[in-house]
Amino acid sequence: MLDGPLRITSSMVRKSWLENGPGSSNDLRGSNPFVQVSWDEAEKLVADELHRVRAGFGNHAIYGGSYG
C-alpha cells in the first residue's frame, strides 16, 4: 500500500480557497483546479481552520471520528 495507486503523494488545495479563504467561490466546487502545496503549508492550513471553527462554533463543530 505504500506505493498503491490511490496513495496521496502530494497535498493539494482548491485554488480559490487557497487564494480567498473559506467560503469563497463555493460555486466553483468540482470545476475549480487544485494546486499543490507543501506538506508543511497543508498542515498549517488545517491547524488554522481547526482553530477558526473551534473559535467560531465551539468544539462540537469539529467531527474527529469515523463512520466506519
PDB file of N, CA and C in Angstrom:
ATOM      1  N   MET A   1       0.806  -1.203   0.000  1.00  0.00           N
ATOM      2  CA  MET A   1       0.000   0.000   0.000  1.00  0.00           C
ATOM      3  C   MET A   1       0.849   1.267   0.000  1.00  0.00           C
ATOM      4  N   LEU A   2       2.133   1.146   0.338  1.00  0.00           N
ATOM      5  CA  LEU A   2       2.968   2.343   0.333  1.00  0.00           C
ATOM      6  C   LEU A   2       3.085   2.957  -1.046  1.00  0.00           C
ATOM      7  N   ASP A   3       3.005   2.136  -2.065  1.00  0.00           N
ATOM      8  CA  ASP A   3       3.099   2.627  -3.438  1.00  0.00           C
ATOM      9  C   ASP A   3       1.811   2.398  -4.211  1.00  0.00           C
ATOM     10  N   GLY A   4       0.702   2.243  -3.490  1.00  0.00           N
ATOM     11  CA  GLY A   4      -0.577   1.967  -4.128  1.00  0.00           C
ATOM     12  C   GLY A   4      -1.039   3.112  -5.015  1.00  0.00           C
ATOM     13  N   PRO A   5      -1.862   2.809  -6.011  1.00  0.00           N
ATOM     14  CA  PRO A   5      -2.307   3.835  -6.958  1.00  0.00           C
ATOM     15  C   PRO A   5      -3.209   4.905  -6.336  1.00  0.00           C
ATOM     16  N   LEU A   6      -3.799   4.619  -5.188  1.00  0.00           N
ATOM     17  CA  LEU A   6      -4.687   5.592  -4.548  1.00  0.00           C
ATOM     18  C   LEU A   6      -3.993   6.421  -3.470  1.00  0.00           C
ATOM     19  N   ARG A   7      -2.717   6.164  -3.259  1.00  0.00           N
ATOM     20  CA  ARG A   7      -1.975   6.878  -2.219  1.00  0.00           C
ATOM     21  C   ARG A   7      -1.777   8.344  -2.604  1.00  0.00           C
ATOM     22  N   ILE A   8      -1.976   9.220  -1.643  1.00  0.00           N
ATOM     23  CA  ILE A   8      -1.772  10.642  -1.857  1.00  0.00           C
ATOM     24  C   ILE A   8      -0.279  10.923  -1.761  1.00  0.00           C
ATOM     25  N   THR A   9       0.283  11.465  -2.826  1.00  0.00           N
ATOM     26  CA  THR A   9       1.718  11.724  -2.851  1.00  0.00           C
ATOM     27  C   THR A   9       2.057  13.194  -2.624  1.00  0.00           C
ATOM     28  N   SER A  10       1.086  14.072  -2.805  1.00  0.00           N
ATOM     29  CA  SER A  10       1.322  15.487  -2.545  1.00  0.00           C
ATOM     30  C   SER A  10       0.027  16.124  -2.050  1.00  0.00           C
ATOM     31  N   SER A  11       0.179  17.139  -1.241  1.00  0.00           N
ATOM     32  CA  SER A  11      -1.001  17.818  -0.698  1.00  0.00           C
ATOM     33  C   SER A  11      -1.505  18.837  -1.719  1.00  0.00           C
ATOM     34  N   MET A  12      -2.820  18.908  -1.840  1.00  0.00           N
ATOM     35  CA  MET A  12      -3.457  19.785  -2.818  1.00  0.00           C
ATOM     36  C   MET A  12      -4.558  20.591  -2.128  1.00  0.00           C
ATOM     37  N   VAL A  13      -4.756  21.817  -2.600  1.00  0.00           N
ATOM     38  CA  VAL A  13      -5.779  22.703  -2.055  1.00  0.00           C
ATOM     39  C   VAL A  13      -6.511  23.336  -3.228  1.00  0.00           C
ATOM     40  N   ARG A  14      -7.828  23.484  -3.090  1.00  0.00           N
ATOM     41  CA  ARG A  14      -8.602  24.134  -4.144  1.00  0.00           C
ATOM     42  C   ARG A  14      -8.093  25.565  -4.323  1.00  0.00           C
ATOM     43  N   LYS A  15      -7.829  25.953  -5.548  1.00  0.00           N
ATOM     44  CA  LYS A  15      -7.185  27.224  -5.865  1.00  0.00           C
ATOM     45  C   LYS A  15      -7.923  28.427  -5.273  1.00  0.00           C
ATOM     46  N   SER A  16      -9.225  28.513  -5.469  1.00  0.00           N
ATOM     47  CA  SER A  16      -9.964  29.677  -4.967  1.00  0.00           C
ATOM     48  C   SER A  16      -9.968  29.729  -3.442  1.00  0.00           C
ATOM     49  N   TRP A  17      -9.985  28.578  -2.794  1.00  0.00           N
ATOM     50  CA  TRP A  17      -9.935  28.563  -1.328  1.00  0.00           C
ATOM     51  C   TRP A  17      -8.571  29.034  -0.853  1.00  0.00           C
ATOM     52  N   LEU A  18      -7.526  28.589  -1.504  1.00  0.00           N
ATOM     53  CA  LEU A  18      -6.179  28.993  -1.116  1.00  0.00           C
ATOM     54  C   LEU A  18      -5.992  30.495  -1.290  1.00  0.00           C
ATOM     55  N   GLU A  19      -6.536  31.052  -2.351  1.00  0.00           N
ATOM     56  CA  GLU A  19      -6.374  32.477  -2.637  1.00  0.00           C
ATOM     57  C   GLU A  19      -7.292  33.365  -1.798  1.00  0.00           C
ATOM     58  N   ASN A  20      -8.507  32.880  -1.485  1.00  0.00           N
ATOM     59  CA  ASN A  20      -9.518  33.740  -0.861  1.00  0.00           C
ATOM     60  C   ASN A  20     -10.071  33.237   0.468  1.00  0.00           C
ATOM     61  N   GLY A  21      -9.674  32.057   0.903  1.00  0.00           N
ATOM     62  CA  GLY A  21     -10.095  31.546   2.194  1.00  0.00           C
ATOM     63  C   GLY A  21     -11.402  30.785   2.172  1.00  0.00           C
ATOM     64  N   PRO A  22     -11.837  30.336   3.344  1.00  0.00           N
ATOM     65  CA  PRO A  22     -13.045  29.520   3.455  1.00  0.00           C
ATOM     66  C   PRO A  22     -14.293  30.264   3.000  1.00  0.00           C
ATOM     67  N   GLY A  23     -15.203  29.528   2.376  1.00  0.00           N
ATOM     68  CA  GLY A  23     -16.463  30.101   1.920  1.00  0.00           C
ATOM     69  C   GLY A  23     -16.370  30.813   0.587  1.00  0.00           C
ATOM     70  N   SER A  24     -15.186  30.839  -0.006  1.00  0.00           N
ATOM     71  CA  SER A  24     -15.032  31.561  -1.261  1.00  0.00           C
ATOM     72  C   SER A  24     -15.310  30.671  -2.459  1.00  0.00           C
ATOM     73  N   SER A  25     -16.030  31.188  -3.392  1.00  0.00           N
ATOM     74  CA  SER A  25     -16.284  30.523  -4.677  1.00  0.00           C
ATOM     75  C   SER A  25     -16.802  29.100  -4.532  1.00  0.00           C
ATOM     76  N   ASN A  26     -17.755  28.908  -3.625  1.00  0.00           N
ATOM     77  CA  ASN A  26     -18.327  27.566  -3.472  1.00  0.00           C
ATOM     78  C   ASN A  26     -18.977  27.077  -4.755  1.00  0.00           C
ATOM     79  N   ASP A  27     -19.382  28.011  -5.614  1.00  0.00           N
ATOM     80  CA  ASP A  27     -19.997  27.628  -6.885  1.00  0.00           C
ATOM     81  C   ASP A  27     -18.985  26.972  -7.832  1.00  0.00           C
ATOM     82  N   LEU A  28     -17.704  27.117  -7.532  1.00  0.00           N
ATOM     83  CA  LEU A  28     -16.671  26.521  -8.380  1.00  0.00           C
ATOM     84  C   LEU A  28     -16.272  25.113  -7.934  1.00  0.00           C
ATOM     85  N   ARG A  29     -16.856  24.641  -6.841  1.00  0.00           N
ATOM     86  CA  ARG A  29     -16.517  23.286  -6.382  1.00  0.00           C
ATOM     87  C   ARG A  29     -16.800  22.283  -7.478  1.00  0.00           C
ATOM     88  N   GLY A  30     -15.824  21.425  -7.708  1.00  0.00           N
ATOM     89  CA  GLY A  30     -15.957  20.416  -8.749  1.00  0.00           C
ATOM     90  C   GLY A  30     -15.338  20.842 -10.066  1.00  0.00           C
ATOM     91  N   SER A  31     -15.191  22.152 -10.268  1.00  0.00           N
ATOM     92  CA  SER A  31     -14.572  22.618 -11.510  1.00  0.00           C
ATOM     93  C   SER A  31     -13.325  23.456 -11.251  1.00  0.00           C
ATOM     94  N   ASN A  32     -13.169  23.944 -10.042  1.00  0.00           N
ATOM     95  CA  ASN A  32     -12.012  24.760  -9.685  1.00  0.00           C
ATOM     96  C   ASN A  32     -10.780  23.861  -9.563  1.00  0.00           C
ATOM     97  N   PRO A  33      -9.657  24.254 -10.145  1.00  0.00           N
ATOM     98  CA  PRO A  33      -8.466  23.400 -10.079  1.00  0.00           C
ATOM     99  C   PRO A  33      -7.871  23.358  -8.681  1.00  0.00           C
ATOM    100  N   PHE A  34      -7.129  22.313  -8.428  1.00  0.00           N
ATOM    101  CA  PHE A  34      -6.378  22.185  -7.190  1.00  0.00           C
ATOM    102  C   PHE A  34      -4.926  22.533  -7.479  1.00  0.00           C
ATOM    103  N   VAL A  35      -4.266  23.115  -6.481  1.00  0.00           N
ATOM    104  CA  VAL A  35      -2.853  23.448  -6.615  1.00  0.00           C
ATOM    105  C   VAL A  35      -2.078  22.733  -5.512  1.00  0.00           C
ATOM    106  N   GLN A  36      -0.872  22.358  -5.840  1.00  0.00           N
ATOM    107  CA  GLN A  36      -0.035  21.639  -4.892  1.00  0.00           C
ATOM    108  C   GLN A  36       0.568  22.610  -3.892  1.00  0.00           C
ATOM    109  N   VAL A  37       0.551  22.215  -2.625  1.00  0.00           N
ATOM    110  CA  VAL A  37       1.216  22.973  -1.564  1.00  0.00           C
ATOM    111  C   VAL A  37       2.114  22.010  -0.812  1.00  0.00           C
ATOM    112  N   SER A  38       3.067  22.539  -0.092  1.00  0.00           N
ATOM    113  CA  SER A  38       3.955  21.678   0.696  1.00  0.00           C
ATOM    114  C   SER A  38       3.163  21.047   1.837  1.00  0.00           C
ATOM    115  N   TRP A  39       3.689  19.955   2.351  1.00  0.00           N
ATOM    116  CA  TRP A  39       3.020  19.318   3.480  1.00  0.00           C
ATOM    117  C   TRP A  39       3.014  20.248   4.689  1.00  0.00           C
ATOM    118  N   ASP A  40       4.063  21.031   4.874  1.00  0.00           N
ATOM    119  CA  ASP A  40       4.102  21.985   5.986  1.00  0.00           C
ATOM    120  C   ASP A  40       3.003  23.036   5.842  1.00  0.00           C
ATOM    121  N   GLU A  41       2.808  23.536   4.618  1.00  0.00           N
ATOM    122  CA  GLU A  41       1.747  24.525   4.401  1.00  0.00           C
ATOM    123  C   GLU A  41       0.371  23.888   4.599  1.00  0.00           C
ATOM    124  N   ALA A  42       0.189  22.673   4.128  1.00  0.00           N
ATOM    125  CA  ALA A  42      -1.091  21.982   4.306  1.00  0.00           C
ATOM    126  C   ALA A  42      -1.396  21.782   5.785  1.00  0.00           C
ATOM    127  N   GLU A  43      -0.381  21.409   6.547  1.00  0.00           N
ATOM    128  CA  GLU A  43      -0.575  21.217   7.984  1.00  0.00           C
ATOM    129  C   GLU A  43      -0.974  22.530   8.653  1.00  0.00           C
ATOM    130  N   LYS A  44      -0.358  23.631   8.258  1.00  0.00           N
ATOM    131  CA  LYS A  44      -0.709  24.942   8.824  1.00  0.00           C
ATOM    132  C   LYS A  44      -2.124  25.342   8.435  1.00  0.00           C
ATOM    133  N   LEU A  45      -2.519  25.084   7.188  1.00  0.00           N
ATOM    134  CA  LEU A  45      -3.876  25.408   6.752  1.00  0.00           C
ATOM    135  C   LEU A  45      -4.912  24.636   7.567  1.00  0.00           C
ATOM    136  N   VAL A  46      -4.659  23.363   7.807  1.00  0.00           N
ATOM    137  CA  VAL A  46      -5.592  22.545   8.592  1.00  0.00           C
ATOM    138  C   VAL A  46      -5.650  23.045  10.030  1.00  0.00           C
ATOM    139  N   ALA A  47      -4.495  23.321  10.619  1.00  0.00           N
ATOM    140  CA  ALA A  47      -4.469  23.817  12.001  1.00  0.00           C
ATOM    141  C   ALA A  47      -5.202  25.143  12.120  1.00  0.00           C
ATOM    142  N   ASP A  48      -4.987  26.041  11.162  1.00  0.00           N
ATOM    143  CA  ASP A  48      -5.677  27.334  11.184  1.00  0.00           C
ATOM    144  C   ASP A  48      -7.185  27.166  11.047  1.00  0.00           C
ATOM    145  N   GLU A  49      -7.620  26.252  10.193  1.00  0.00           N
ATOM    146  CA  GLU A  49      -9.062  26.016  10.023  1.00  0.00           C
ATOM    147  C   GLU A  49      -9.683  25.409  11.273  1.00  0.00           C
ATOM    148  N   LEU A  50      -8.982  24.471  11.900  1.00  0.00           N
ATOM    149  CA  LEU A  50      -9.495  23.900  13.140  1.00  0.00           C
ATOM    150  C   LEU A  50      -9.642  24.990  14.199  1.00  0.00           C
ATOM    151  N   HIS A  51      -8.673  25.868  14.284  1.00  0.00           N
ATOM    152  CA  HIS A  51      -8.745  26.971  15.239  1.00  0.00           C
ATOM    153  C   HIS A  51      -9.915  27.907  14.904  1.00  0.00           C
ATOM    154  N   ARG A  52     -10.092  28.240  13.624  1.00  0.00           N
ATOM    155  CA  ARG A  52     -11.178  29.125  13.201  1.00  0.00           C
ATOM    156  C   ARG A  52     -12.540  28.534  13.539  1.00  0.00           C
ATOM    157  N   VAL A  53     -12.725  27.263  13.241  1.00  0.00           N
ATOM    158  CA  VAL A  53     -14.014  26.607  13.501  1.00  0.00           C
ATOM    159  C   VAL A  53     -14.258  26.496  14.996  1.00  0.00           C
ATOM    160  N   ARG A  54     -13.244  26.087  15.750  1.00  0.00           N
ATOM    161  CA  ARG A  54     -13.407  25.956  17.204  1.00  0.00           C
ATOM    162  C   ARG A  54     -13.728  27.306  17.828  1.00  0.00           C
ATOM    163  N   ALA A  55     -13.032  28.371  17.409  1.00  0.00           N
ATOM    164  CA  ALA A  55     -13.268  29.704  17.975  1.00  0.00           C
ATOM    165  C   ALA A  55     -14.643  30.244  17.603  1.00  0.00           C
ATOM    166  N   GLY A  56     -15.098  29.948  16.394  1.00  0.00           N
ATOM    167  CA  GLY A  56     -16.365  30.491  15.936  1.00  0.00           C
ATOM    168  C   GLY A  56     -17.591  29.673  16.290  1.00  0.00           C
ATOM    169  N   PHE A  57     -17.399  28.356  16.437  1.00  0.00           N
ATOM    170  CA  PHE A  57     -18.562  27.483  16.605  1.00  0.00           C
ATOM    171  C   PHE A  57     -18.453  26.510  17.769  1.00  0.00           C
ATOM    172  N   GLY A  58     -17.298  26.431  18.399  1.00  0.00           N
ATOM    173  CA  GLY A  58     -17.108  25.533  19.529  1.00  0.00           C
ATOM    174  C   GLY A  58     -16.591  24.168  19.102  1.00  0.00           C
ATOM    175  N   ASN A  59     -16.110  23.419  20.092  1.00  0.00           N
ATOM    176  CA  ASN A  59     -15.543  22.096  19.831  1.00  0.00           C
ATOM    177  C   ASN A  59     -16.537  21.132  19.179  1.00  0.00           C
ATOM    178  N   HIS A  60     -17.813  21.275  19.497  1.00  0.00           N
ATOM    179  CA  HIS A  60     -18.807  20.349  18.976  1.00  0.00           C
ATOM    180  C   HIS A  60     -18.956  20.465  17.450  1.00  0.00           C
ATOM    181  N   ALA A  61     -18.409  21.524  16.859  1.00  0.00           N
ATOM    182  CA  ALA A  61     -18.497  21.699  15.407  1.00  0.00           C
ATOM    183  C   ALA A  61     -17.433  20.913  14.651  1.00  0.00           C
ATOM    184  N   ILE A  62     -16.529  20.285  15.396  1.00  0.00           N
ATOM    185  CA  ILE A  62     -15.443  19.524  14.764  1.00  0.00           C
ATOM    186  C   ILE A  62     -15.729  18.049  14.947  1.00  0.00           C
ATOM    187  N   TYR A  63     -15.873  17.350  13.817  1.00  0.00           N
ATOM    188  CA  TYR A  63     -16.084  15.900  13.864  1.00  0.00           C
ATOM    189  C   TYR A  63     -14.746  15.227  13.639  1.00  0.00           C
ATOM    190  N   GLY A  64     -14.275  14.505  14.606  1.00  0.00           N
ATOM    191  CA  GLY A  64     -12.964  13.875  14.504  1.00  0.00           C
ATOM    192  C   GLY A  64     -13.040  12.368  14.557  1.00  0.00           C
ATOM    193  N   GLY A  65     -14.193  11.799  14.244  1.00  0.00           N
ATOM    194  CA  GLY A  65     -14.358  10.359  14.324  1.00  0.00           C
ATOM    195  C   GLY A  65     -14.377   9.707  12.963  1.00  0.00           C
ATOM    196  N   SER A  66     -15.028   8.575  12.912  1.00  0.00           N
ATOM    197  CA  SER A  66     -15.080   7.807  11.679  1.00  0.00           C
ATOM    198  C   SER A  66     -16.472   7.211  11.543  1.00  0.00           C
ATOM    199  N   TYR A  67     -16.903   7.088  10.299  1.00  0.00           N
ATOM    200  CA  TYR A  67     -18.200   6.468  10.053  1.00  0.00           C
ATOM    201  C   TYR A  67     -18.093   4.950   9.987  1.00  0.00           C
ATOM    202  N   GLY A  68     -16.903   4.439   9.860  1.00  0.00           N
ATOM    203  CA  GLY A  68     -16.791   3.007   9.671  1.00  0.00           C
ATOM    204  C   GLY A  68     -15.777   2.427  10.538  1.00  0.00           C
TER     205      GLY A  68
END
